[in-house]
């Protein structure tokens, strides 16, 4: 904290003044809620459109679909796995709502294991386990899929436009770059491993 000549200012308000300020502030939020945040039943217009559209959360039935208990991921040998992240569609919301496009992991040689949440890697503590992670976010021709969300390529991220040699460095641009068209960067992490 910086030292200096600061004056201590005390503001005393009665409970009545605090109550009035709260009422005025709440009324301002209610009055402008449709333009600020869409609060209090205001405008339902999204600030930024999401590809594929959105659903009103009030229309989605709650607690209908049972939780999935992910089965074991098949291995390719003794504690050896080859796992790819893929894009696919799965019924996440209760039927008859539409299927959801998801990215999740499955055995690279068994598309039947693609599921969200992904299958579980079962390993024995202390026994070495080898996993080969594959970025399989490609179309049928092998071209990289575009990201589902907008990507700002001017930010530092896992694979900036500098390519493999430019990883983990801050990209420098002379002008605003076009949309990112490279592979979707994935940072694979596991839960429950030591």
N, C-alpha and C. Protein backbone atom coordinates (compact mmCIF):
# COMPACT_ATOMS: atom_id res chain seq x y z
N UNK A 1 0.84 -1.17 0.00
CA UNK A 1 0.00 0.00 0.00
C UNK A 1 0.89 1.24 0.00
N UNK A 2 0.52 2.19 -0.79
CA UNK A 2 1.28 3.43 -0.89
C UNK A 2 1.05 4.29 0.33
N UNK A 3 2.11 4.89 0.83
CA UNK A 3 1.97 5.80 1.96
C UNK A 3 1.76 7.20 1.43
N UNK A 4 1.00 7.97 2.14
CA UNK A 4 0.76 9.35 1.72
C UNK A 4 -0.23 10.01 2.65
N UNK A 5 -0.61 11.19 2.30
CA UNK A 5 -1.59 11.93 3.10
C UNK A 5 -2.99 11.63 2.59
N UNK A 6 -3.65 10.76 3.27
CA UNK A 6 -5.01 10.40 2.90
C UNK A 6 -5.94 10.88 4.00
N UNK A 7 -7.07 11.38 3.60
CA UNK A 7 -8.06 11.79 4.58
C UNK A 7 -9.06 10.67 4.77
N UNK A 8 -9.43 10.45 5.99
CA UNK A 8 -10.45 9.46 6.28
C UNK A 8 -11.80 10.14 6.14
N UNK A 9 -12.65 9.56 5.30
CA UNK A 9 -13.97 10.14 5.07
C UNK A 9 -15.00 9.15 5.61
N UNK A 10 -15.82 9.63 6.47
CA UNK A 10 -16.89 8.81 7.01
C UNK A 10 -18.20 9.25 6.41
N UNK A 11 -18.96 8.29 5.95
CA UNK A 11 -20.29 8.57 5.41
C UNK A 11 -21.29 7.88 6.33
N UNK A 12 -22.15 8.66 6.89
CA UNK A 12 -23.16 8.10 7.78
C UNK A 12 -24.50 8.16 7.08
N UNK A 13 -25.15 7.02 7.02
CA UNK A 13 -26.47 6.95 6.42
C UNK A 13 -27.41 6.26 7.39
N UNK A 14 -28.60 6.75 7.42
CA UNK A 14 -29.60 6.11 8.26
C UNK A 14 -30.12 4.87 7.53
N UNK A 15 -30.82 4.02 8.23
CA UNK A 15 -31.42 2.84 7.61
C UNK A 15 -32.42 3.26 6.53
N UNK A 16 -33.12 4.33 6.77
CA UNK A 16 -34.10 4.82 5.81
C UNK A 16 -33.40 5.25 4.53
N UNK A 17 -32.24 5.92 4.63
CA UNK A 17 -31.50 6.34 3.44
C UNK A 17 -30.95 5.14 2.67
N UNK A 18 -30.48 4.14 3.40
CA UNK A 18 -29.97 2.92 2.75
C UNK A 18 -31.12 2.22 2.02
N UNK A 19 -32.28 2.14 2.66
CA UNK A 19 -33.44 1.52 2.03
C UNK A 19 -33.86 2.28 0.78
N UNK A 20 -33.88 3.60 0.82
CA UNK A 20 -34.23 4.40 -0.35
C UNK A 20 -33.24 4.17 -1.48
N UNK A 21 -31.95 4.14 -1.16
CA UNK A 21 -30.93 3.92 -2.19
C UNK A 21 -31.11 2.54 -2.83
N UNK A 22 -31.43 1.53 -2.03
CA UNK A 22 -31.66 0.19 -2.55
C UNK A 22 -32.87 0.13 -3.46
N UNK A 23 -33.95 0.82 -3.08
CA UNK A 23 -35.16 0.84 -3.90
C UNK A 23 -34.89 1.55 -5.23
N UNK A 24 -34.19 2.66 -5.17
CA UNK A 24 -33.88 3.41 -6.39
C UNK A 24 -32.97 2.57 -7.30
N UNK A 25 -31.95 1.94 -6.73
CA UNK A 25 -31.06 1.10 -7.54
C UNK A 25 -31.79 -0.08 -8.14
N UNK A 26 -32.65 -0.73 -7.36
CA UNK A 26 -33.42 -1.87 -7.87
C UNK A 26 -34.38 -1.44 -8.97
N UNK A 27 -35.00 -0.27 -8.78
CA UNK A 27 -35.91 0.22 -9.82
C UNK A 27 -35.15 0.52 -11.11
N UNK A 28 -33.94 1.06 -10.97
CA UNK A 28 -33.14 1.34 -12.17
C UNK A 28 -32.80 0.05 -12.90
N UNK A 29 -32.44 -0.99 -12.18
CA UNK A 29 -32.16 -2.27 -12.82
C UNK A 29 -33.41 -2.84 -13.48
N UNK A 30 -34.55 -2.73 -12.79
CA UNK A 30 -35.79 -3.24 -13.37
C UNK A 30 -36.15 -2.46 -14.63
N UNK A 31 -36.00 -1.17 -14.59
CA UNK A 31 -36.38 -0.31 -15.71
C UNK A 31 -35.48 -0.54 -16.91
N UNK A 32 -34.16 -0.70 -16.66
CA UNK A 32 -33.21 -0.86 -17.75
C UNK A 32 -32.76 -2.30 -17.93
N UNK A 33 -33.38 -3.24 -17.22
CA UNK A 33 -32.97 -4.64 -17.29
C UNK A 33 -33.03 -5.22 -18.67
N UNK A 34 -34.03 -4.77 -19.48
CA UNK A 34 -34.14 -5.34 -20.83
C UNK A 34 -33.00 -4.90 -21.72
N UNK A 35 -32.39 -3.76 -21.46
CA UNK A 35 -31.29 -3.32 -22.32
C UNK A 35 -29.94 -3.67 -21.72
N UNK A 36 -29.85 -3.82 -20.41
CA UNK A 36 -28.56 -4.14 -19.79
C UNK A 36 -28.27 -5.63 -19.80
N UNK A 37 -29.10 -6.38 -19.14
CA UNK A 37 -28.79 -7.79 -18.94
C UNK A 37 -29.93 -8.73 -19.32
N UNK A 38 -31.04 -8.21 -19.72
CA UNK A 38 -32.19 -9.06 -20.00
C UNK A 38 -32.81 -9.60 -18.72
N UNK A 39 -32.59 -8.89 -17.61
CA UNK A 39 -33.12 -9.33 -16.32
C UNK A 39 -34.60 -9.04 -16.22
N UNK A 40 -35.24 -9.68 -15.29
CA UNK A 40 -36.63 -9.42 -14.94
C UNK A 40 -37.57 -9.55 -16.13
N UNK A 41 -37.35 -10.55 -16.97
CA UNK A 41 -38.25 -10.80 -18.08
C UNK A 41 -38.10 -9.80 -19.20
N UNK A 42 -36.95 -9.18 -19.30
CA UNK A 42 -36.73 -8.19 -20.36
C UNK A 42 -36.49 -8.86 -21.69
N UNK A 43 -35.76 -8.20 -22.54
CA UNK A 43 -35.51 -8.67 -23.90
C UNK A 43 -34.85 -10.03 -23.89
N UNK A 44 -35.22 -10.88 -24.83
CA UNK A 44 -34.65 -12.21 -24.93
C UNK A 44 -33.61 -12.28 -26.05
N UNK A 45 -33.17 -11.13 -26.55
CA UNK A 45 -32.20 -11.10 -27.63
C UNK A 45 -30.81 -11.34 -27.06
N UNK A 46 -30.08 -12.30 -27.62
CA UNK A 46 -28.72 -12.58 -27.16
C UNK A 46 -27.79 -11.50 -27.66
N UNK A 47 -26.76 -11.21 -26.85
CA UNK A 47 -25.79 -10.20 -27.25
C UNK A 47 -24.94 -10.67 -28.42
N UNK A 48 -24.63 -11.96 -28.47
CA UNK A 48 -23.86 -12.52 -29.58
C UNK A 48 -24.52 -13.84 -29.97
N UNK A 49 -24.84 -13.98 -31.23
CA UNK A 49 -25.50 -15.19 -31.69
C UNK A 49 -24.55 -16.38 -31.59
N UNK A 50 -25.07 -17.50 -31.17
CA UNK A 50 -24.30 -18.73 -31.06
C UNK A 50 -24.65 -19.59 -32.27
N UNK A 51 -23.64 -20.14 -32.98
CA UNK A 51 -23.95 -20.99 -34.13
C UNK A 51 -24.88 -22.12 -33.72
N UNK A 52 -25.90 -22.34 -34.51
CA UNK A 52 -26.87 -23.39 -34.20
C UNK A 52 -28.01 -22.90 -33.34
N UNK A 53 -27.90 -21.68 -32.82
CA UNK A 53 -28.98 -21.12 -32.01
C UNK A 53 -28.90 -21.54 -30.56
N UNK A 54 -29.85 -21.09 -29.79
CA UNK A 54 -29.90 -21.42 -28.37
C UNK A 54 -31.31 -21.85 -28.00
N UNK A 55 -31.43 -22.49 -26.87
CA UNK A 55 -32.72 -22.90 -26.33
C UNK A 55 -33.01 -22.07 -25.10
N UNK A 56 -34.27 -21.79 -24.88
CA UNK A 56 -34.67 -21.12 -23.65
C UNK A 56 -34.53 -22.14 -22.52
N UNK A 57 -33.70 -21.88 -21.52
CA UNK A 57 -33.47 -22.87 -20.47
C UNK A 57 -34.73 -23.22 -19.68
N UNK A 58 -35.72 -22.34 -19.71
CA UNK A 58 -36.97 -22.62 -18.99
C UNK A 58 -37.78 -23.71 -19.67
N UNK A 59 -37.49 -23.99 -20.95
CA UNK A 59 -38.26 -25.00 -21.68
C UNK A 59 -37.60 -26.38 -21.64
N UNK A 60 -36.40 -26.49 -21.09
CA UNK A 60 -35.70 -27.77 -21.03
C UNK A 60 -36.11 -28.49 -19.74
N UNK A 61 -36.74 -29.67 -19.84
CA UNK A 61 -37.13 -30.40 -18.63
C UNK A 61 -35.89 -30.78 -17.81
N UNK A 62 -35.99 -30.61 -16.53
CA UNK A 62 -34.85 -30.89 -15.63
C UNK A 62 -34.96 -32.29 -15.02
N UNK A 63 -33.82 -32.92 -14.78
CA UNK A 63 -33.70 -34.18 -14.05
C UNK A 63 -34.49 -35.30 -14.71
N UNK A 64 -34.48 -35.35 -16.05
CA UNK A 64 -35.19 -36.39 -16.79
C UNK A 64 -34.23 -37.48 -17.22
N UNK A 65 -33.09 -37.07 -17.80
CA UNK A 65 -32.13 -38.03 -18.35
C UNK A 65 -31.22 -38.54 -17.24
N UNK A 66 -31.11 -39.87 -17.08
CA UNK A 66 -30.23 -40.41 -16.03
C UNK A 66 -28.76 -40.09 -16.33
N UNK A 67 -27.98 -39.93 -15.27
CA UNK A 67 -26.55 -39.68 -15.44
C UNK A 67 -25.87 -40.92 -15.99
N UNK A 68 -24.88 -40.70 -16.84
CA UNK A 68 -24.14 -41.79 -17.46
C UNK A 68 -23.00 -42.20 -16.54
N UNK A 69 -22.84 -43.50 -16.34
CA UNK A 69 -21.66 -44.02 -15.64
C UNK A 69 -20.74 -44.55 -16.74
N UNK A 70 -19.66 -43.80 -17.05
CA UNK A 70 -18.81 -44.20 -18.19
C UNK A 70 -18.17 -45.57 -17.98
N UNK A 71 -18.28 -46.45 -18.98
CA UNK A 71 -17.60 -47.75 -18.89
C UNK A 71 -16.10 -47.60 -19.11
N UNK A 72 -15.38 -48.71 -19.04
CA UNK A 72 -13.93 -48.69 -19.21
C UNK A 72 -13.57 -48.50 -20.68
N UNK A 73 -12.53 -47.69 -20.92
CA UNK A 73 -11.99 -47.48 -22.26
C UNK A 73 -11.22 -48.74 -22.67
N UNK A 74 -11.49 -49.28 -23.86
CA UNK A 74 -10.71 -50.45 -24.29
C UNK A 74 -9.26 -50.06 -24.56
N UNK A 75 -8.35 -50.94 -24.17
CA UNK A 75 -6.94 -50.64 -24.42
C UNK A 75 -6.43 -51.43 -25.61
N UNK A 76 -5.29 -51.01 -26.16
CA UNK A 76 -4.72 -51.66 -27.34
C UNK A 76 -3.64 -52.66 -26.98
N UNK A 77 -3.39 -52.83 -25.73
CA UNK A 77 -2.36 -53.75 -25.25
C UNK A 77 -2.31 -53.63 -23.75
N UNK A 78 -1.25 -54.10 -23.16
CA UNK A 78 -1.10 -54.06 -21.71
C UNK A 78 -0.95 -52.62 -21.25
N UNK A 79 -2.02 -52.05 -20.67
CA UNK A 79 -2.02 -50.66 -20.18
C UNK A 79 -1.59 -49.66 -21.24
N UNK A 80 -1.98 -49.90 -22.48
CA UNK A 80 -1.66 -49.00 -23.58
C UNK A 80 -2.96 -48.58 -24.26
N UNK A 81 -3.09 -47.28 -24.46
CA UNK A 81 -4.32 -46.74 -25.04
C UNK A 81 -3.99 -45.82 -26.20
N UNK A 82 -4.86 -45.80 -27.19
CA UNK A 82 -4.80 -44.84 -28.29
C UNK A 82 -6.17 -44.16 -28.31
N UNK A 83 -6.18 -42.88 -27.87
CA UNK A 83 -7.45 -42.18 -27.66
C UNK A 83 -7.48 -40.92 -28.51
N UNK A 84 -8.59 -40.73 -29.23
CA UNK A 84 -8.74 -39.56 -30.09
C UNK A 84 -9.90 -38.71 -29.62
N UNK A 85 -9.74 -37.40 -29.79
CA UNK A 85 -10.87 -36.49 -29.58
C UNK A 85 -11.56 -36.33 -30.92
N UNK A 86 -12.88 -36.45 -30.93
CA UNK A 86 -13.66 -36.40 -32.17
C UNK A 86 -14.87 -35.51 -31.96
N UNK A 87 -15.43 -35.04 -33.07
CA UNK A 87 -16.69 -34.30 -33.03
C UNK A 87 -17.80 -35.26 -33.46
N UNK A 88 -18.88 -35.29 -32.71
CA UNK A 88 -20.01 -36.14 -33.03
C UNK A 88 -21.25 -35.56 -32.38
N UNK A 89 -22.39 -36.16 -32.67
CA UNK A 89 -23.65 -35.70 -32.10
C UNK A 89 -24.17 -36.74 -31.13
N UNK A 90 -24.69 -36.24 -30.02
CA UNK A 90 -25.19 -37.14 -28.98
C UNK A 90 -26.42 -36.51 -28.35
N UNK A 91 -27.35 -37.34 -27.92
CA UNK A 91 -28.53 -36.84 -27.23
C UNK A 91 -28.14 -36.52 -25.80
N UNK A 92 -27.87 -35.25 -25.53
CA UNK A 92 -27.50 -34.80 -24.18
C UNK A 92 -28.75 -34.31 -23.45
N UNK A 93 -29.55 -33.50 -24.15
CA UNK A 93 -30.80 -32.99 -23.58
C UNK A 93 -31.87 -34.06 -23.68
N UNK A 94 -32.89 -33.98 -22.84
CA UNK A 94 -33.96 -34.98 -22.91
C UNK A 94 -34.64 -34.98 -24.28
N UNK A 95 -34.99 -36.17 -24.77
CA UNK A 95 -35.76 -36.27 -26.02
C UNK A 95 -37.12 -35.64 -25.76
N UNK A 96 -37.72 -35.01 -26.71
CA UNK A 96 -37.44 -34.93 -28.14
C UNK A 96 -36.60 -33.71 -28.52
N UNK A 97 -35.90 -33.08 -27.57
CA UNK A 97 -35.04 -31.94 -27.91
C UNK A 97 -33.94 -32.41 -28.85
N UNK A 98 -33.36 -31.49 -29.63
CA UNK A 98 -32.38 -31.90 -30.63
C UNK A 98 -31.09 -32.45 -30.02
N UNK A 99 -30.36 -33.21 -30.83
CA UNK A 99 -29.06 -33.72 -30.40
C UNK A 99 -28.08 -32.55 -30.30
N UNK A 100 -27.01 -32.76 -29.57
CA UNK A 100 -26.01 -31.73 -29.34
C UNK A 100 -24.71 -32.13 -30.03
N UNK A 101 -24.06 -31.20 -30.71
CA UNK A 101 -22.73 -31.45 -31.27
C UNK A 101 -21.73 -31.32 -30.13
N UNK A 102 -20.95 -32.37 -29.90
CA UNK A 102 -20.00 -32.40 -28.79
C UNK A 102 -18.62 -32.82 -29.29
N UNK A 103 -17.63 -32.48 -28.51
CA UNK A 103 -16.26 -32.99 -28.70
C UNK A 103 -15.97 -33.83 -27.48
N UNK A 104 -15.55 -35.06 -27.71
CA UNK A 104 -15.20 -35.92 -26.60
C UNK A 104 -14.23 -36.98 -27.09
N UNK A 105 -13.79 -37.82 -26.18
CA UNK A 105 -12.75 -38.80 -26.45
C UNK A 105 -13.31 -40.20 -26.59
N UNK A 106 -12.62 -41.01 -27.41
CA UNK A 106 -12.96 -42.42 -27.57
C UNK A 106 -11.74 -43.15 -28.10
N UNK A 107 -11.78 -44.48 -28.04
CA UNK A 107 -10.67 -45.27 -28.58
C UNK A 107 -10.54 -44.96 -30.07
N UNK A 108 -9.32 -44.68 -30.54
CA UNK A 108 -9.12 -44.26 -31.93
C UNK A 108 -9.53 -45.33 -32.93
N UNK A 109 -9.53 -46.60 -32.52
CA UNK A 109 -9.88 -47.69 -33.43
C UNK A 109 -11.28 -48.23 -33.19
N UNK A 110 -12.07 -47.55 -32.34
CA UNK A 110 -13.40 -48.06 -32.01
C UNK A 110 -14.34 -46.87 -31.82
N UNK A 111 -15.02 -46.46 -32.91
CA UNK A 111 -15.89 -45.30 -32.82
C UNK A 111 -17.08 -45.53 -31.91
N UNK A 112 -17.37 -46.77 -31.57
CA UNK A 112 -18.46 -47.07 -30.64
C UNK A 112 -18.18 -46.61 -29.23
N UNK A 113 -16.96 -46.21 -28.97
CA UNK A 113 -16.61 -45.74 -27.62
C UNK A 113 -16.73 -44.23 -27.48
N UNK A 114 -17.09 -43.53 -28.58
CA UNK A 114 -17.26 -42.08 -28.48
C UNK A 114 -18.46 -41.79 -27.60
N UNK A 115 -18.24 -41.06 -26.55
CA UNK A 115 -19.32 -40.74 -25.63
C UNK A 115 -18.94 -39.49 -24.86
N UNK A 116 -19.98 -38.76 -24.43
CA UNK A 116 -19.77 -37.65 -23.51
C UNK A 116 -20.63 -37.92 -22.29
N UNK A 117 -20.05 -38.02 -21.10
CA UNK A 117 -18.62 -37.95 -20.81
C UNK A 117 -17.88 -39.17 -21.34
N UNK A 118 -16.58 -38.99 -21.56
CA UNK A 118 -15.75 -40.04 -22.16
C UNK A 118 -15.63 -41.24 -21.23
N UNK A 119 -15.26 -42.38 -21.83
CA UNK A 119 -15.06 -43.59 -21.07
C UNK A 119 -13.91 -43.41 -20.06
N UNK A 120 -13.80 -44.33 -19.12
CA UNK A 120 -12.83 -44.26 -18.05
C UNK A 120 -11.60 -45.10 -18.37
N UNK A 121 -10.43 -44.55 -18.11
CA UNK A 121 -9.19 -45.34 -18.22
C UNK A 121 -9.01 -46.04 -16.87
N UNK A 122 -9.03 -47.36 -16.90
CA UNK A 122 -8.81 -48.11 -15.67
C UNK A 122 -7.36 -48.57 -15.64
N UNK A 123 -6.66 -48.19 -14.60
CA UNK A 123 -5.24 -48.52 -14.48
C UNK A 123 -4.95 -49.00 -13.07
N UNK A 124 -3.88 -49.76 -12.94
CA UNK A 124 -3.43 -50.25 -11.65
C UNK A 124 -2.38 -49.29 -11.12
N UNK A 125 -2.54 -48.89 -9.88
CA UNK A 125 -1.59 -47.96 -9.28
C UNK A 125 -0.19 -48.55 -9.31
N UNK A 126 0.76 -47.72 -9.76
CA UNK A 126 2.16 -48.13 -9.82
C UNK A 126 2.53 -48.82 -11.13
N UNK A 127 1.55 -49.26 -11.91
CA UNK A 127 1.84 -49.91 -13.20
C UNK A 127 1.87 -48.84 -14.27
N UNK A 128 2.92 -48.81 -15.09
CA UNK A 128 3.00 -47.79 -16.15
C UNK A 128 1.83 -47.91 -17.13
N UNK A 129 1.27 -46.77 -17.49
CA UNK A 129 0.18 -46.70 -18.46
C UNK A 129 0.59 -45.73 -19.55
N UNK A 130 0.46 -46.15 -20.80
CA UNK A 130 0.84 -45.30 -21.92
C UNK A 130 -0.41 -44.93 -22.70
N UNK A 131 -0.59 -43.62 -22.92
CA UNK A 131 -1.73 -43.13 -23.68
C UNK A 131 -1.21 -42.28 -24.82
N UNK A 132 -1.63 -42.60 -26.04
CA UNK A 132 -1.35 -41.76 -27.20
C UNK A 132 -2.60 -40.95 -27.47
N UNK A 133 -2.49 -39.61 -27.34
CA UNK A 133 -3.62 -38.72 -27.56
C UNK A 133 -3.60 -38.23 -29.00
N UNK A 134 -4.74 -38.29 -29.68
CA UNK A 134 -4.83 -37.91 -31.08
C UNK A 134 -5.87 -36.80 -31.24
N UNK A 135 -5.48 -35.73 -31.93
CA UNK A 135 -6.43 -34.68 -32.25
C UNK A 135 -7.16 -35.11 -33.52
N UNK A 136 -8.33 -35.72 -33.33
CA UNK A 136 -9.11 -36.22 -34.45
C UNK A 136 -10.25 -35.29 -34.84
N UNK A 137 -10.09 -33.99 -34.56
CA UNK A 137 -11.12 -33.03 -34.94
C UNK A 137 -10.93 -32.66 -36.40
N UNK A 138 -11.23 -33.64 -37.27
CA UNK A 138 -11.07 -33.48 -38.71
C UNK A 138 -12.35 -33.95 -39.40
N UNK A 139 -12.55 -33.49 -40.65
CA UNK A 139 -13.71 -33.94 -41.41
C UNK A 139 -13.36 -35.25 -42.13
N UNK A 140 -14.26 -35.75 -42.96
CA UNK A 140 -14.05 -37.03 -43.63
C UNK A 140 -12.89 -36.99 -44.62
N UNK A 141 -12.49 -35.78 -45.06
CA UNK A 141 -11.35 -35.63 -45.97
C UNK A 141 -10.03 -35.43 -45.23
N UNK A 142 -10.08 -35.37 -43.89
CA UNK A 142 -8.87 -35.17 -43.11
C UNK A 142 -8.54 -33.70 -42.87
N UNK A 143 -9.42 -32.80 -43.29
CA UNK A 143 -9.19 -31.37 -43.05
C UNK A 143 -9.64 -31.02 -41.64
N UNK A 144 -8.89 -30.10 -41.01
CA UNK A 144 -9.24 -29.70 -39.65
C UNK A 144 -10.60 -29.04 -39.61
N UNK A 145 -11.37 -29.37 -38.58
CA UNK A 145 -12.67 -28.74 -38.38
C UNK A 145 -12.48 -27.34 -37.83
N UNK A 146 -13.38 -26.43 -38.15
CA UNK A 146 -13.31 -25.11 -37.52
C UNK A 146 -13.75 -25.21 -36.07
N UNK A 147 -13.31 -24.28 -35.28
CA UNK A 147 -13.70 -24.24 -33.88
C UNK A 147 -15.20 -23.97 -33.80
N UNK A 148 -15.87 -24.54 -32.80
CA UNK A 148 -17.30 -24.32 -32.62
C UNK A 148 -17.60 -22.89 -32.17
N UNK A 149 -16.62 -22.24 -31.55
CA UNK A 149 -16.79 -20.89 -31.04
C UNK A 149 -15.81 -19.96 -31.74
N UNK A 150 -16.07 -18.64 -31.72
CA UNK A 150 -15.12 -17.72 -32.34
C UNK A 150 -13.78 -17.77 -31.62
N UNK A 151 -12.69 -17.67 -32.38
CA UNK A 151 -11.34 -17.71 -31.82
C UNK A 151 -10.64 -16.41 -32.16
N UNK A 152 -10.05 -15.78 -31.17
CA UNK A 152 -9.26 -14.57 -31.40
C UNK A 152 -7.80 -15.00 -31.56
N UNK A 153 -7.27 -15.03 -32.80
CA UNK A 153 -5.92 -15.53 -33.00
C UNK A 153 -4.84 -14.58 -32.50
N UNK A 154 -5.20 -13.40 -31.99
CA UNK A 154 -4.18 -12.49 -31.47
C UNK A 154 -3.81 -12.81 -30.04
N UNK A 155 -4.57 -13.71 -29.40
CA UNK A 155 -4.27 -14.07 -28.02
C UNK A 155 -3.25 -15.20 -27.96
N UNK A 156 -2.50 -15.23 -26.89
CA UNK A 156 -1.53 -16.31 -26.68
C UNK A 156 -2.30 -17.59 -26.39
N UNK A 157 -1.99 -18.65 -27.12
CA UNK A 157 -2.68 -19.91 -26.90
C UNK A 157 -1.78 -21.07 -27.27
N UNK A 158 -2.32 -22.29 -27.23
CA UNK A 158 -1.50 -23.49 -27.36
C UNK A 158 -0.81 -23.62 -28.71
N UNK A 159 -1.40 -23.15 -29.79
CA UNK A 159 -0.79 -23.28 -31.11
C UNK A 159 -1.08 -22.01 -31.91
N UNK A 160 -0.34 -20.94 -31.64
CA UNK A 160 -0.61 -19.69 -32.35
C UNK A 160 -0.30 -19.84 -33.83
N UNK A 161 -0.69 -18.87 -34.65
CA UNK A 161 -0.48 -18.97 -36.09
C UNK A 161 0.98 -19.14 -36.49
N UNK A 162 1.90 -19.10 -35.57
CA UNK A 162 3.30 -19.32 -35.89
C UNK A 162 3.62 -20.77 -36.20
N UNK A 163 2.64 -21.68 -36.07
CA UNK A 163 2.86 -23.09 -36.37
C UNK A 163 3.59 -23.80 -35.26
N UNK A 164 4.01 -25.05 -35.50
CA UNK A 164 4.65 -25.84 -34.45
C UNK A 164 5.88 -25.16 -33.84
N UNK A 165 6.64 -24.42 -34.66
CA UNK A 165 7.83 -23.75 -34.12
C UNK A 165 7.45 -22.51 -33.31
N UNK A 166 6.22 -22.02 -33.45
CA UNK A 166 5.80 -20.83 -32.74
C UNK A 166 4.98 -21.12 -31.50
N UNK A 167 4.93 -22.36 -31.09
CA UNK A 167 4.16 -22.70 -29.90
C UNK A 167 4.75 -22.02 -28.68
N UNK A 168 3.85 -21.70 -27.76
CA UNK A 168 4.23 -21.10 -26.48
C UNK A 168 5.02 -19.81 -26.64
N UNK A 169 4.68 -19.03 -27.64
CA UNK A 169 5.27 -17.71 -27.77
C UNK A 169 4.16 -16.73 -28.11
N UNK A 170 4.41 -15.48 -27.86
CA UNK A 170 3.41 -14.47 -28.14
C UNK A 170 3.51 -14.07 -29.61
N UNK A 171 2.42 -14.29 -30.39
CA UNK A 171 2.48 -13.92 -31.79
C UNK A 171 2.48 -12.39 -31.95
N UNK A 172 3.13 -11.91 -32.99
CA UNK A 172 3.19 -10.49 -33.28
C UNK A 172 2.53 -10.27 -34.64
N UNK A 173 1.60 -9.31 -34.71
CA UNK A 173 0.87 -9.06 -35.93
C UNK A 173 1.06 -7.61 -36.35
N UNK A 174 1.25 -7.39 -37.66
CA UNK A 174 1.32 -6.04 -38.19
C UNK A 174 -0.07 -5.51 -38.51
N UNK A 175 -1.02 -6.42 -38.74
CA UNK A 175 -2.41 -6.04 -38.99
C UNK A 175 -3.30 -7.13 -38.42
N UNK A 176 -4.57 -6.85 -38.33
CA UNK A 176 -5.51 -7.81 -37.76
C UNK A 176 -5.55 -9.05 -38.65
N UNK A 177 -5.25 -10.23 -38.08
CA UNK A 177 -5.24 -11.45 -38.90
C UNK A 177 -6.66 -11.90 -39.23
N UNK A 178 -6.76 -12.74 -40.24
CA UNK A 178 -8.03 -13.35 -40.60
C UNK A 178 -8.40 -14.43 -39.61
N UNK A 179 -9.50 -15.11 -39.83
CA UNK A 179 -9.92 -16.16 -38.91
C UNK A 179 -8.89 -17.30 -38.86
N UNK A 180 -8.78 -17.90 -37.72
CA UNK A 180 -7.88 -19.03 -37.53
C UNK A 180 -8.43 -20.23 -38.26
N UNK A 181 -7.60 -20.91 -39.06
CA UNK A 181 -8.05 -22.06 -39.84
C UNK A 181 -7.27 -23.33 -39.51
N UNK A 182 -6.41 -23.26 -38.54
CA UNK A 182 -5.60 -24.43 -38.20
C UNK A 182 -6.35 -25.40 -37.31
N UNK A 183 -5.63 -26.37 -36.79
CA UNK A 183 -6.28 -27.36 -35.93
C UNK A 183 -6.79 -26.70 -34.65
N UNK A 184 -7.88 -27.24 -34.12
CA UNK A 184 -8.38 -26.76 -32.84
C UNK A 184 -7.40 -27.23 -31.78
N UNK A 185 -6.80 -26.29 -31.05
CA UNK A 185 -5.85 -26.72 -30.02
C UNK A 185 -6.58 -27.45 -28.90
N UNK A 186 -6.05 -28.56 -28.50
CA UNK A 186 -6.63 -29.29 -27.37
C UNK A 186 -5.56 -29.44 -26.30
N UNK A 187 -5.98 -29.33 -25.08
CA UNK A 187 -5.09 -29.55 -23.94
C UNK A 187 -5.72 -30.67 -23.14
N UNK A 188 -5.21 -31.86 -23.37
CA UNK A 188 -5.78 -33.05 -22.73
C UNK A 188 -5.29 -33.12 -21.29
N UNK A 189 -6.20 -33.38 -20.41
CA UNK A 189 -5.84 -33.59 -19.02
C UNK A 189 -6.73 -34.70 -18.46
N UNK A 190 -6.26 -35.36 -17.46
CA UNK A 190 -7.01 -36.47 -16.87
C UNK A 190 -7.30 -36.15 -15.41
N UNK A 191 -8.35 -36.75 -14.91
CA UNK A 191 -8.75 -36.56 -13.53
C UNK A 191 -8.46 -37.84 -12.75
N UNK A 192 -7.95 -37.70 -11.57
CA UNK A 192 -7.75 -38.84 -10.69
C UNK A 192 -6.46 -39.60 -10.91
N UNK A 193 -5.48 -39.01 -11.63
CA UNK A 193 -4.20 -39.70 -11.82
C UNK A 193 -3.16 -39.07 -10.92
N UNK A 194 -2.19 -39.85 -10.54
CA UNK A 194 -1.09 -39.34 -9.72
C UNK A 194 0.17 -39.26 -10.53
